[in-house]
C-alpha atoms as a PDB file:
ATOM      1  CA  MET A   1      47.647 -14.424 -12.914  1.00  0.00           C
ATOM      2  CA  VAL A   2      43.835 -14.354 -13.196  1.00  0.00           C
ATOM      3  CA  GLU A   3      43.458 -13.600  -9.492  1.00  0.00           C
ATOM      4  CA  ARG A   4      46.033 -10.800  -9.626  1.00  0.00           C
ATOM      5  CA  THR A   5      44.446  -9.285 -12.727  1.00  0.00           C
ATOM      6  CA  ALA A   6      41.002  -9.343 -11.120  1.00  0.00           C
ATOM      7  CA  GLN A   7      42.413  -7.776  -7.964  1.00  0.00           C
ATOM      8  CA  MET A   8      44.034  -4.982  -9.988  1.00  0.00           C
ATOM      9  CA  ILE A   9      40.767  -4.289 -11.854  1.00  0.00           C
ATOM     10  CA  PHE A  10      38.778  -4.131  -8.633  1.00  0.00           C
ATOM     11  CA  THR A  11      41.395  -1.872  -7.032  1.00  0.00           C
ATOM     12  CA  VAL A  12      41.338   0.529  -9.987  1.00  0.00           C
ATOM     13  CA  CYS A  13      37.519   0.693  -9.918  1.00  0.00           C
ATOM     14  CA  ALA A  14      37.521   1.373  -6.176  1.00  0.00           C
ATOM     15  CA  SER A  15      40.201   4.030  -6.668  1.00  0.00           C
ATOM     16  CA  PHE A  16      38.016   5.820  -9.219  1.00  0.00           C
ATOM     17  CA  ALA A  17      35.234   6.060  -6.652  1.00  0.00           C
ATOM     18  CA  ILE A  18      37.620   7.479  -4.042  1.00  0.00           C
ATOM     19  CA  LEU A  19      39.115   9.859  -6.608  1.00  0.00           C
ATOM     20  CA  ALA A  20      35.658  11.107  -7.598  1.00  0.00           C
ATOM     21  CA  VAL A  21      34.722  11.911  -3.989  1.00  0.00           C
ATOM     22  CA  ALA A  22      38.090  13.553  -3.333  1.00  0.00           C
ATOM     23  CA  SER A  23      37.848  15.626  -6.537  1.00  0.00           C
ATOM     24  CA  ILE A  24      34.340  16.844  -5.721  1.00  0.00           C
ATOM     25  CA  THR A  25      35.379  17.718  -2.176  1.00  0.00           C
ATOM     26  CA  LEU A  26      38.444  19.624  -3.362  1.00  0.00           C
ATOM     27  CA  TYR A  27      36.500  21.492  -6.056  1.00  0.00           C
ATOM     28  CA  MET A  28      33.760  22.543  -3.651  1.00  0.00           C
ATOM     29  CA  MET A  29      36.329  23.769  -1.132  1.00  0.00           C
ATOM     30  CA  ILE A  30      38.243  25.765  -3.734  1.00  0.00           C
ATOM     31  CA  SER A  31      35.081  27.274  -5.243  1.00  0.00           C
ATOM     32  CA  GLY A  32      33.185  27.858  -1.999  1.00  0.00           C
ATOM     33  CA  THR A  33      35.817  29.382   0.284  1.00  0.00           C
ATOM     34  CA  PRO A  34      36.606  32.719  -1.491  1.00  0.00           C
ATOM     35  CA  ALA A  35      33.209  34.195  -0.574  1.00  0.00           C
ATOM     36  CA  ILE A  36      33.712  33.135   3.043  1.00  0.00           C
ATOM     37  CA  PHE A  37      36.830  35.313   3.289  1.00  0.00           C
ATOM     38  CA  LYS A  38      35.100  38.216   1.506  1.00  0.00           C
ATOM     39  CA  VAL A  39      31.785  38.204   3.361  1.00  0.00           C
ATOM     40  CA  GLY A  40      32.641  36.445   6.603  1.00  0.00           C
ATOM     41  CA  LEU A  41      31.472  33.084   7.865  1.00  0.00           C
ATOM     42  CA  LYS A  42      29.398  34.608  10.670  1.00  0.00           C
ATOM     43  CA  ASP A  43      27.499  36.919   8.305  1.00  0.00           C
ATOM     44  CA  ILE A  44      26.844  34.054   5.886  1.00  0.00           C
ATOM     45  CA  LEU A  45      25.595  31.492   8.387  1.00  0.00           C
ATOM     46  CA  PHE A  46      23.785  33.650  10.944  1.00  0.00           C
ATOM     47  CA  GLU A  47      22.334  36.575   9.009  1.00  0.00           C
ATOM     48  CA  THR A  48      18.825  36.250   7.572  1.00  0.00           C
ATOM     49  CA  ALA A  49      18.840  38.874   4.790  1.00  0.00           C
ATOM     50  CA  TRP A  50      19.616  37.613   1.283  1.00  0.00           C
ATOM     51  CA  GLU A  51      19.969  40.639  -1.046  1.00  0.00           C
ATOM     52  CA  PRO A  52      22.882  39.880  -3.402  1.00  0.00           C
ATOM     53  CA  THR A  53      21.889  42.513  -5.969  1.00  0.00           C
ATOM     54  CA  GLY A  54      21.105  45.336  -3.525  1.00  0.00           C
ATOM     55  CA  ALA A  55      23.009  48.599  -3.199  1.00  0.00           C
ATOM     56  CA  GLU A  56      24.602  47.085  -0.113  1.00  0.00           C
ATOM     57  CA  PRO A  57      24.649  43.324  -0.877  1.00  0.00           C
ATOM     58  CA  LYS A  58      23.693  40.978   1.933  1.00  0.00           C
ATOM     59  CA  TYR A  59      24.431  37.274   1.826  1.00  0.00           C
ATOM     60  CA  GLY A  60      22.800  35.768   4.907  1.00  0.00           C
ATOM     61  CA  ILE A  61      21.559  32.202   4.372  1.00  0.00           C
ATOM     62  CA  LEU A  62      20.312  31.266   7.853  1.00  0.00           C
ATOM     63  CA  TYR A  63      16.692  30.995   6.670  1.00  0.00           C
ATOM     64  CA  VAL A  64      17.803  28.938   3.669  1.00  0.00           C
ATOM     65  CA  ILE A  65      19.686  26.494   5.894  1.00  0.00           C
ATOM     66  CA  LEU A  66      16.782  26.240   8.332  1.00  0.00           C
ATOM     67  CA  THR A  67      14.401  25.611   5.441  1.00  0.00           C
ATOM     68  CA  SER A  68      16.496  22.689   4.181  1.00  0.00           C
ATOM     69  CA  VAL A  69      16.762  21.217   7.678  1.00  0.00           C
ATOM     70  CA  VAL A  70      13.068  21.607   8.518  1.00  0.00           C
ATOM     71  CA  GLY A  71      11.847  20.578   5.047  1.00  0.00           C
ATOM     72  CA  THR A  72      14.021  17.451   4.961  1.00  0.00           C
ATOM     73  CA  PHE A  73      13.050  16.466   8.506  1.00  0.00           C
ATOM     74  CA  LEU A  74       9.322  16.828   7.809  1.00  0.00           C
ATOM     75  CA  ALA A  75       9.583  14.954   4.509  1.00  0.00           C
ATOM     76  CA  ILE A  76      11.358  12.075   6.258  1.00  0.00           C
ATOM     77  CA  LEU A  77       8.845  12.208   9.119  1.00  0.00           C
ATOM     78  CA  ILE A  78       6.014  11.726   6.618  1.00  0.00           C
ATOM     79  CA  GLY A  79       7.655   9.571   3.956  1.00  0.00           C
ATOM     80  CA  VAL A  80       9.594   7.034   6.028  1.00  0.00           C
ATOM     81  CA  PRO A  81       6.651   5.613   8.054  1.00  0.00           C
ATOM     82  CA  ILE A  82       4.496   5.350   4.909  1.00  0.00           C
ATOM     83  CA  GLY A  83       7.328   3.755   2.944  1.00  0.00           C
ATOM     84  CA  LEU A  84       8.228   1.340   5.740  1.00  0.00           C
ATOM     85  CA  MET A  85       4.635   0.232   6.245  1.00  0.00           C
ATOM     86  CA  THR A  86       4.271  -0.281   2.488  1.00  0.00           C
ATOM     87  CA  ALA A  87       7.434  -2.392   2.483  1.00  0.00           C
ATOM     88  CA  VAL A  88       6.062  -4.479   5.366  1.00  0.00           C
ATOM     89  CA  PHE A  89       2.820  -4.936   3.445  1.00  0.00           C
ATOM     90  CA  LEU A  90       4.615  -6.099   0.298  1.00  0.00           C
ATOM     91  CA  ALA A  91       7.072  -8.380   2.098  1.00  0.00           C
ATOM     92  CA  GLU A  92       4.921  -9.894   4.834  1.00  0.00           C
ATOM     93  CA  ILE A  93       1.193  -9.372   4.294  1.00  0.00           C
ATOM     94  CA  SER A  94       0.113  -8.897   0.689  1.00  0.00           C
ATOM     95  CA  GLY A  95      -0.926 -11.756  -1.520  1.00  0.00           C
ATOM     96  CA  LYS A  96       0.720 -12.590  -4.815  1.00  0.00           C
ATOM     97  CA  TYR A  97      -1.805 -10.734  -6.971  1.00  0.00           C
ATOM     98  CA  THR A  98      -1.935  -7.648  -4.757  1.00  0.00           C
ATOM     99  CA  ALA A  99       1.849  -7.386  -4.755  1.00  0.00           C
ATOM    100  CA  ALA A 100       1.825  -7.686  -8.534  1.00  0.00           C
ATOM    101  CA  ILE A 101      -0.221  -4.468  -8.640  1.00  0.00           C
ATOM    102  CA  VAL A 102       1.484  -2.457  -5.892  1.00  0.00           C
ATOM    103  CA  LYS A 103       5.091  -3.285  -6.812  1.00  0.00           C
ATOM    104  CA  PRO A 104       4.927  -1.923 -10.393  1.00  0.00           C
ATOM    105  CA  ALA A 105       3.233   1.211  -9.066  1.00  0.00           C
ATOM    106  CA  VAL A 106       6.147   1.792  -6.683  1.00  0.00           C
ATOM    107  CA  GLU A 107       8.643   1.212  -9.480  1.00  0.00           C
ATOM    108  CA  LEU A 108       6.731   3.670 -11.652  1.00  0.00           C
ATOM    109  CA  LEU A 109       7.076   6.317  -8.929  1.00  0.00           C
ATOM    110  CA  ALA A 110      10.846   5.787  -9.022  1.00  0.00           C
ATOM    111  CA  GLY A 111      10.944   6.294 -12.778  1.00  0.00           C
ATOM    112  CA  ILE A 112       8.992   9.565 -12.922  1.00  0.00           C
ATOM    113  CA  PRO A 113      11.318  12.569 -13.541  1.00  0.00           C
ATOM    114  CA  SER A 114      11.469  15.127 -10.752  1.00  0.00           C
ATOM    115  CA  VAL A 115      10.180  17.908 -13.010  1.00  0.00           C
ATOM    116  CA  ILE A 116       6.958  15.931 -13.459  1.00  0.00           C
ATOM    117  CA  TYR A 117       6.495  15.838  -9.686  1.00  0.00           C
ATOM    118  CA  GLY A 118       6.948  19.602  -9.719  1.00  0.00           C
ATOM    119  CA  LEU A 119       4.409  20.127 -12.492  1.00  0.00           C
ATOM    120  CA  LEU A 120       1.869  17.917 -10.750  1.00  0.00           C
ATOM    121  CA  GLY A 121       2.513  19.862  -7.570  1.00  0.00           C
ATOM    122  CA  ILE A 122       1.814  23.152  -9.367  1.00  0.00           C
ATOM    123  CA  TYR A 123      -1.447  22.029 -10.960  1.00  0.00           C
ATOM    124  CA  LEU A 124      -2.812  19.697  -8.274  1.00  0.00           C
ATOM    125  CA  LEU A 125      -1.216  20.373  -4.887  1.00  0.00           C
ATOM    126  CA  ASN A 126      -0.675  24.134  -4.925  1.00  0.00           C
ATOM    127  CA  PRO A 127      -4.343  24.988  -5.640  1.00  0.00           C
ATOM    128  CA  LEU A 128      -5.399  22.812  -2.702  1.00  0.00           C
ATOM    129  CA  MET A 129      -2.844  24.462  -0.444  1.00  0.00           C
ATOM    130  CA  TYR A 130      -4.053  27.886  -1.595  1.00  0.00           C
ATOM    131  CA  ARG A 131      -7.663  27.049  -0.712  1.00  0.00           C
ATOM    132  CA  LEU A 132      -6.518  25.885   2.703  1.00  0.00           C
ATOM    133  CA  GLU A 133      -4.463  29.061   3.065  1.00  0.00           C
ATOM    134  CA  LEU A 134      -7.484  31.218   2.240  1.00  0.00           C
ATOM    135  CA  VAL A 135      -9.540  29.460   4.914  1.00  0.00           C
ATOM    136  CA  LEU A 136      -6.885  29.628   7.631  1.00  0.00           C
ATOM    137  CA  PHE A 137      -5.790  33.222   7.037  1.00  0.00           C
ATOM    138  CA  ARG A 138      -9.028  34.817   5.793  1.00  0.00           C
ATOM    139  CA  ASP A 139      -9.050  37.319   8.683  1.00  0.00           C
ATOM    140  CA  SER A 140      -5.307  37.949   8.744  1.00  0.00           C
ATOM    141  CA  LYS A 141      -3.988  41.368   7.710  1.00  0.00           C
ATOM    142  CA  THR A 142      -0.301  40.449   7.887  1.00  0.00           C
ATOM    143  CA  HIS A 143      -0.111  37.101   6.088  1.00  0.00           C
ATOM    144  CA  GLN A 144       1.413  37.137   2.613  1.00  0.00           C
ATOM    145  CA  PHE A 145      -0.579  34.758   0.447  1.00  0.00           C
ATOM    146  CA  THR A 146       1.601  32.446  -1.645  1.00  0.00           C
ATOM    147  CA  GLY A 147      -0.907  30.899  -4.026  1.00  0.00           C
ATOM    148  CA  GLY A 148      -0.106  27.520  -2.496  1.00  0.00           C
ATOM    149  CA  SER A 149       3.637  27.678  -3.247  1.00  0.00           C
ATOM    150  CA  ASN A 150       4.921  27.153   0.267  1.00  0.00           C
ATOM    151  CA  LEU A 151       6.927  24.929   2.588  1.00  0.00           C
ATOM    152  CA  LEU A 152       4.059  22.504   3.137  1.00  0.00           C
ATOM    153  CA  SER A 153       3.709  21.853  -0.600  1.00  0.00           C
ATOM    154  CA  ALA A 154       7.449  21.236  -0.918  1.00  0.00           C
ATOM    155  CA  VAL A 155       7.431  18.838   2.048  1.00  0.00           C
ATOM    156  CA  LEU A 156       4.563  16.772   0.598  1.00  0.00           C
ATOM    157  CA  VAL A 157       6.259  16.545  -2.802  1.00  0.00           C
ATOM    158  CA  LEU A 158       9.556  15.464  -1.210  1.00  0.00           C
ATOM    159  CA  ALA A 159       7.757  12.894   0.964  1.00  0.00           C
ATOM    160  CA  ILE A 160       6.232  11.325  -2.160  1.00  0.00           C
ATOM    161  CA  MET A 161       9.540  11.391  -4.024  1.00  0.00           C
ATOM    162  CA  ILE A 162      11.443   9.439  -1.350  1.00  0.00           C
ATOM    163  CA  LEU A 163       8.813   6.694  -1.133  1.00  0.00           C
ATOM    164  CA  PRO A 164      10.267   4.422  -3.884  1.00  0.00           C
ATOM    165  CA  THR A 165      13.738   4.469  -2.315  1.00  0.00           C
ATOM    166  CA  VAL A 166      12.467   3.691   1.174  1.00  0.00           C
ATOM    167  CA  ILE A 167      10.010   1.040  -0.010  1.00  0.00           C
ATOM    168  CA  ASN A 168      12.333  -0.902  -2.316  1.00  0.00           C
ATOM    169  CA  ILE A 169      15.346  -1.046   0.009  1.00  0.00           C
ATOM    170  CA  SER A 170      13.262  -1.730   3.118  1.00  0.00           C
ATOM    171  CA  GLN A 171      11.368  -4.504   1.346  1.00  0.00           C
ATOM    172  CA  THR A 172      14.632  -6.141   0.298  1.00  0.00           C
ATOM    173  CA  ALA A 173      15.952  -5.906   3.863  1.00  0.00           C
ATOM    174  CA  ILE A 174      12.771  -7.397   5.333  1.00  0.00           C
ATOM    175  CA  GLU A 175      12.674 -10.253   2.827  1.00  0.00           C
ATOM    176  CA  SER A 176      16.315 -11.106   3.613  1.00  0.00           C
ATOM    177  CA  VAL A 177      15.533 -11.814   7.283  1.00  0.00           C
ATOM    178  CA  ARG A 178      15.948 -15.517   7.963  1.00  0.00           C
ATOM    179  CA  LYS A 179      12.746 -17.566   8.125  1.00  0.00           C
ATOM    180  CA  ASP A 180      13.782 -19.221  11.376  1.00  0.00           C
ATOM    181  CA  ILE A 181      13.480 -15.861  13.166  1.00  0.00           C
ATOM    182  CA  ARG A 182       9.838 -15.668  12.142  1.00  0.00           C
ATOM    183  CA  ALA A 183       9.289 -19.308  13.023  1.00  0.00           C
ATOM    184  CA  ALA A 184      10.866 -18.887  16.474  1.00  0.00           C
ATOM    185  CA  SER A 185       8.724 -15.851  17.238  1.00  0.00           C
ATOM    186  CA  LEU A 186       5.524 -17.595  16.171  1.00  0.00           C
ATOM    187  CA  ALA A 187       6.508 -20.706  18.116  1.00  0.00           C
ATOM    188  CA  LEU A 188       6.788 -18.608  21.284  1.00  0.00           C
ATOM    189  CA  GLY A 189       3.164 -17.541  20.864  1.00  0.00           C
ATOM    190  CA  ALA A 190       3.606 -14.147  19.190  1.00  0.00           C
ATOM    191  CA  SER A 191       1.018 -13.045  16.656  1.00  0.00           C
ATOM    192  CA  LYS A 192       1.991 -12.192  13.101  1.00  0.00           C
ATOM    193  CA  VAL A 193       1.896  -8.459  13.813  1.00  0.00           C
ATOM    194  CA  GLN A 194       4.024  -8.915  16.937  1.00  0.00           C
ATOM    195  CA  THR A 195       6.467 -11.022  14.951  1.00  0.00           C
ATOM    196  CA  ILE A 196       6.797  -8.322  12.296  1.00  0.00           C
ATOM    197  CA  PHE A 197       7.400  -5.439  14.701  1.00  0.00           C
ATOM    198  CA  ARG A 198       9.369  -7.233  17.432  1.00  0.00           C
ATOM    199  CA  ALA A 199      11.395  -9.755  15.462  1.00  0.00           C
ATOM    200  CA  VAL A 200      11.519  -9.059  11.728  1.00  0.00           C
ATOM    201  CA  LEU A 201      11.964  -5.267  11.705  1.00  0.00           C
ATOM    202  CA  PRO A 202      14.715  -5.264  14.380  1.00  0.00           C
ATOM    203  CA  ALA A 203      16.539  -7.943  12.389  1.00  0.00           C
ATOM    204  CA  ALA A 204      16.236  -5.804   9.242  1.00  0.00           C
ATOM    205  CA  LYS A 205      17.318  -2.608  11.008  1.00  0.00           C
ATOM    206  CA  SER A 206      20.540  -2.153   9.031  1.00  0.00           C
ATOM    207  CA  GLY A 207      18.789  -2.279   5.685  1.00  0.00           C
ATOM    208  CA  ILE A 208      16.014   0.020   6.883  1.00  0.00           C
ATOM    209  CA  VAL A 209      18.544   2.610   8.082  1.00  0.00           C
ATOM    210  CA  THR A 210      20.233   2.396   4.681  1.00  0.00           C
ATOM    211  CA  ALA A 211      16.869   3.153   3.077  1.00  0.00           C
ATOM    212  CA  VAL A 212      16.471   6.180   5.344  1.00  0.00           C
ATOM    213  CA  VAL A 213      19.998   7.407   4.477  1.00  0.00           C
ATOM    214  CA  LEU A 214      19.298   7.230   0.756  1.00  0.00           C
ATOM    215  CA  GLY A 215      15.877   8.794   1.252  1.00  0.00           C
ATOM    216  CA  VAL A 216      17.460  11.714   3.093  1.00  0.00           C
ATOM    217  CA  GLY A 217      19.956  12.104   0.262  1.00  0.00           C
ATOM    218  CA  ARG A 218      17.122  12.250  -2.263  1.00  0.00           C
ATOM    219  CA  ALA A 219      15.218  14.811  -0.207  1.00  0.00           C
ATOM    220  CA  VAL A 220      18.225  17.044   0.492  1.00  0.00           C
ATOM    221  CA  GLY A 221      19.504  17.000  -3.074  1.00  0.00           C
ATOM    222  CA  GLU A 222      16.218  17.583  -4.906  1.00  0.00           C
ATOM    223  CA  ALA A 223      16.043  20.927  -6.718  1.00  0.00           C
ATOM    224  CA  MET A 224      13.713  21.042  -9.716  1.00  0.00           C
ATOM    225  CA  ALA A 225      10.481  19.822  -8.114  1.00  0.00           C
ATOM    226  CA  VAL A 226      11.080  21.908  -4.995  1.00  0.00           C
ATOM    227  CA  THR A 227      11.774  25.015  -7.078  1.00  0.00           C
ATOM    228  CA  LEU A 228       8.406  24.682  -8.784  1.00  0.00           C
ATOM    229  CA  VAL A 229       6.264  24.225  -5.666  1.00  0.00           C
ATOM    230  CA  SER A 230       8.038  26.123  -2.857  1.00  0.00           C
ATOM    231  CA  GLY A 231       7.819  29.702  -4.144  1.00  0.00           C
ATOM    232  CA  SER A 232      11.605  30.182  -3.882  1.00  0.00           C
ATOM    233  CA  SER A 233      11.541  33.177  -1.506  1.00  0.00           C
ATOM    234  CA  VAL A 234      13.879  33.560   1.460  1.00  0.00           C
ATOM    235  CA  ASN A 235      11.617  33.404   4.520  1.00  0.00           C
ATOM    236  CA  LEU A 236      11.387  31.745   7.896  1.00  0.00           C
ATOM    237  CA  PRO A 237      10.417  28.081   7.278  1.00  0.00           C
ATOM    238  CA  LEU A 238       6.787  28.175   8.419  1.00  0.00           C
ATOM    239  CA  PRO A 239       4.227  25.856   6.765  1.00  0.00           C
ATOM    240  CA  PHE A 240       2.459  28.509   4.691  1.00  0.00           C
ATOM    241  CA  ASN A 241       5.480  30.679   3.897  1.00  0.00           C
ATOM    242  CA  SER A 242       7.079  30.768   0.472  1.00  0.00           C
ATOM    243  CA  VAL A 243      10.568  29.389   1.119  1.00  0.00           C
ATOM    244  CA  ARG A 244      13.874  28.634  -0.552  1.00  0.00           C
ATOM    245  CA  PHE A 245      15.980  25.496  -0.033  1.00  0.00           C
ATOM    246  CA  LEU A 246      19.758  25.308  -0.436  1.00  0.00           C
ATOM    247  CA  THR A 247      19.387  23.543  -3.774  1.00  0.00           C
ATOM    248  CA  THR A 248      16.806  25.974  -5.134  1.00  0.00           C
ATOM    249  CA  ALA A 249      18.958  28.949  -4.122  1.00  0.00           C
ATOM    250  CA  ILE A 250      21.664  27.726  -6.488  1.00  0.00           C
ATOM    251  CA  VAL A 251      19.323  26.805  -9.337  1.00  0.00           C
ATOM    252  CA  SER A 252      17.281  30.004  -9.279  1.00  0.00           C
ATOM    253  CA  GLU A 253      20.197  32.472  -9.364  1.00  0.00           C
ATOM    254  CA  MET A 254      23.178  30.795 -11.026  1.00  0.00           C
ATOM    255  CA  GLY A 255      22.096  31.888 -14.501  1.00  0.00           C
ATOM    256  CA  TYR A 256      22.536  35.627 -13.898  1.00  0.00           C
ATOM    257  CA  SER A 257      24.984  35.774 -10.977  1.00  0.00           C
ATOM    258  CA  GLN A 258      28.479  37.216 -11.195  1.00  0.00           C
ATOM    259  CA  GLY A 259      31.339  38.274  -8.958  1.00  0.00           C
ATOM    260  CA  THR A 260      30.803  37.789  -5.226  1.00  0.00           C
ATOM    261  CA  HIS A 261      27.202  36.758  -5.845  1.00  0.00           C
ATOM    262  CA  ARG A 262      28.346  33.825  -7.971  1.00  0.00           C
ATOM    263  CA  GLN A 263      31.003  32.877  -5.439  1.00  0.00           C
ATOM    264  CA  MET A 264      28.316  32.887  -2.740  1.00  0.00           C
ATOM    265  CA  LEU A 265      26.272  30.371  -4.708  1.00  0.00           C
ATOM    266  CA  PHE A 266      29.277  28.059  -4.671  1.00  0.00           C
ATOM    267  CA  THR A 267      29.517  28.686  -0.924  1.00  0.00           C
ATOM    268  CA  ILE A 268      25.887  27.596  -0.605  1.00  0.00           C
ATOM    269  CA  GLY A 269      26.840  24.482  -2.557  1.00  0.00           C
ATOM    270  CA  LEU A 270      29.685  23.893  -0.100  1.00  0.00           C
ATOM    271  CA  VAL A 271      27.274  24.257   2.833  1.00  0.00           C
ATOM    272  CA  LEU A 272      24.916  21.780   1.157  1.00  0.00           C
ATOM    273  CA  PHE A 273      27.811  19.387   0.557  1.00  0.00           C
ATOM    274  CA  VAL A 274      28.881  19.562   4.224  1.00  0.00           C
ATOM    275  CA  PHE A 275      25.256  19.161   5.302  1.00  0.00           C
ATOM    276  CA  ILE A 276      24.867  15.959   3.278  1.00  0.00           C
ATOM    277  CA  MET A 277      28.202  14.582   4.490  1.00  0.00           C
ATOM    278  CA  LEU A 278      27.252  15.181   8.134  1.00  0.00           C
ATOM    279  CA  ILE A 279      23.910  13.435   7.664  1.00  0.00           C
ATOM    280  CA  ASN A 280      25.614  10.451   6.012  1.00  0.00           C
ATOM    281  CA  VAL A 281      28.223  10.190   8.781  1.00  0.00           C
ATOM    282  CA  VAL A 282      25.624  10.350  11.562  1.00  0.00           C
ATOM    283  CA  LEU A 283      23.244   7.858   9.963  1.00  0.00           C
ATOM    284  CA  ASN A 284      26.064   5.500   8.995  1.00  0.00           C
ATOM    285  CA  ARG A 285      27.177   5.461  12.623  1.00  0.00           C
ATOM    286  CA  ILE A 286      23.633   4.516  13.573  1.00  0.00           C
ATOM    287  CA  LEU A 287      23.729   1.839  10.872  1.00  0.00           C
ATOM    288  CA  LYS A 288      26.975   0.372  12.170  1.00  0.00           C
ATOM    289  CA  GLY A 289      25.687   0.473  15.708  1.00  0.00           C
ATOM    290  CA  GLY A 290      22.536  -1.357  14.634  1.00  0.00           C
ATOM    291  CA  GLY A 291      24.520  -3.997  12.796  1.00  0.00           C
ATOM    292  CA  GLU A 292      26.832  -4.939  15.659  1.00  0.00           C
ATOM    293  CA  GLU A 293      26.179  -8.182  17.425  1.00  0.00           C
ATOM    294  CA  LYS A 294      25.678  -7.936  21.152  1.00  0.00           C
END
């Protein structure tokens, strides 16, 4: 009886998780598809003009999609190596007292609200970006100065925000690698650095990929901090352009939207939802491939 009761409880809990995902998927499809039939999928995905309140409304989100793709990729390109190397330092190299200082700092980064990252970006990062912008484009007559609110600022903020996720999960994965793997590598004459990169990290690949998956999810889904530092203008995603991500497009206009405009924001949410699902599927396939024994 105890075993059956426990099995029923576990089944119900698992069913709630499945029901939640199915409900979200169904809601996003119902809310996001009406605008597709009104505007047209081609015009939504491949047009660049976003003018929902114009005399002739335009709902192209190509630049918004490209911004999310490029911004997420660059944030991962910066954040993952730093996070992974920090995890290696904490798990394999640092002493007890050093780890006691670095570990709480990483945990503190995880606990800081996203709006605080945005505020720090406005008051610390954006002025630096603006000075750099003034130097690089001082002779340009076509560049639109952003005051530092640009793609590069958003990428740096996102890279910092994903660090705690990548560090904590990667460190756990590295520490879970069996000691005999390290011992065997050292016994064969490998140095400690060679052991870390050729034995320990490959053995911890599954956990590291999981850290990357969750880091991507954090970067793709972030809205508040990105809204504050990116400028929130629909432009081609170049480093010193004011840009708008998929998440910030919803946040910045949902309050006053109505009619087709409001339906389009739900369509953007549907695109974001599909984007995240595709990333999870691809990276999970990589994860499963890395975890198979050969």
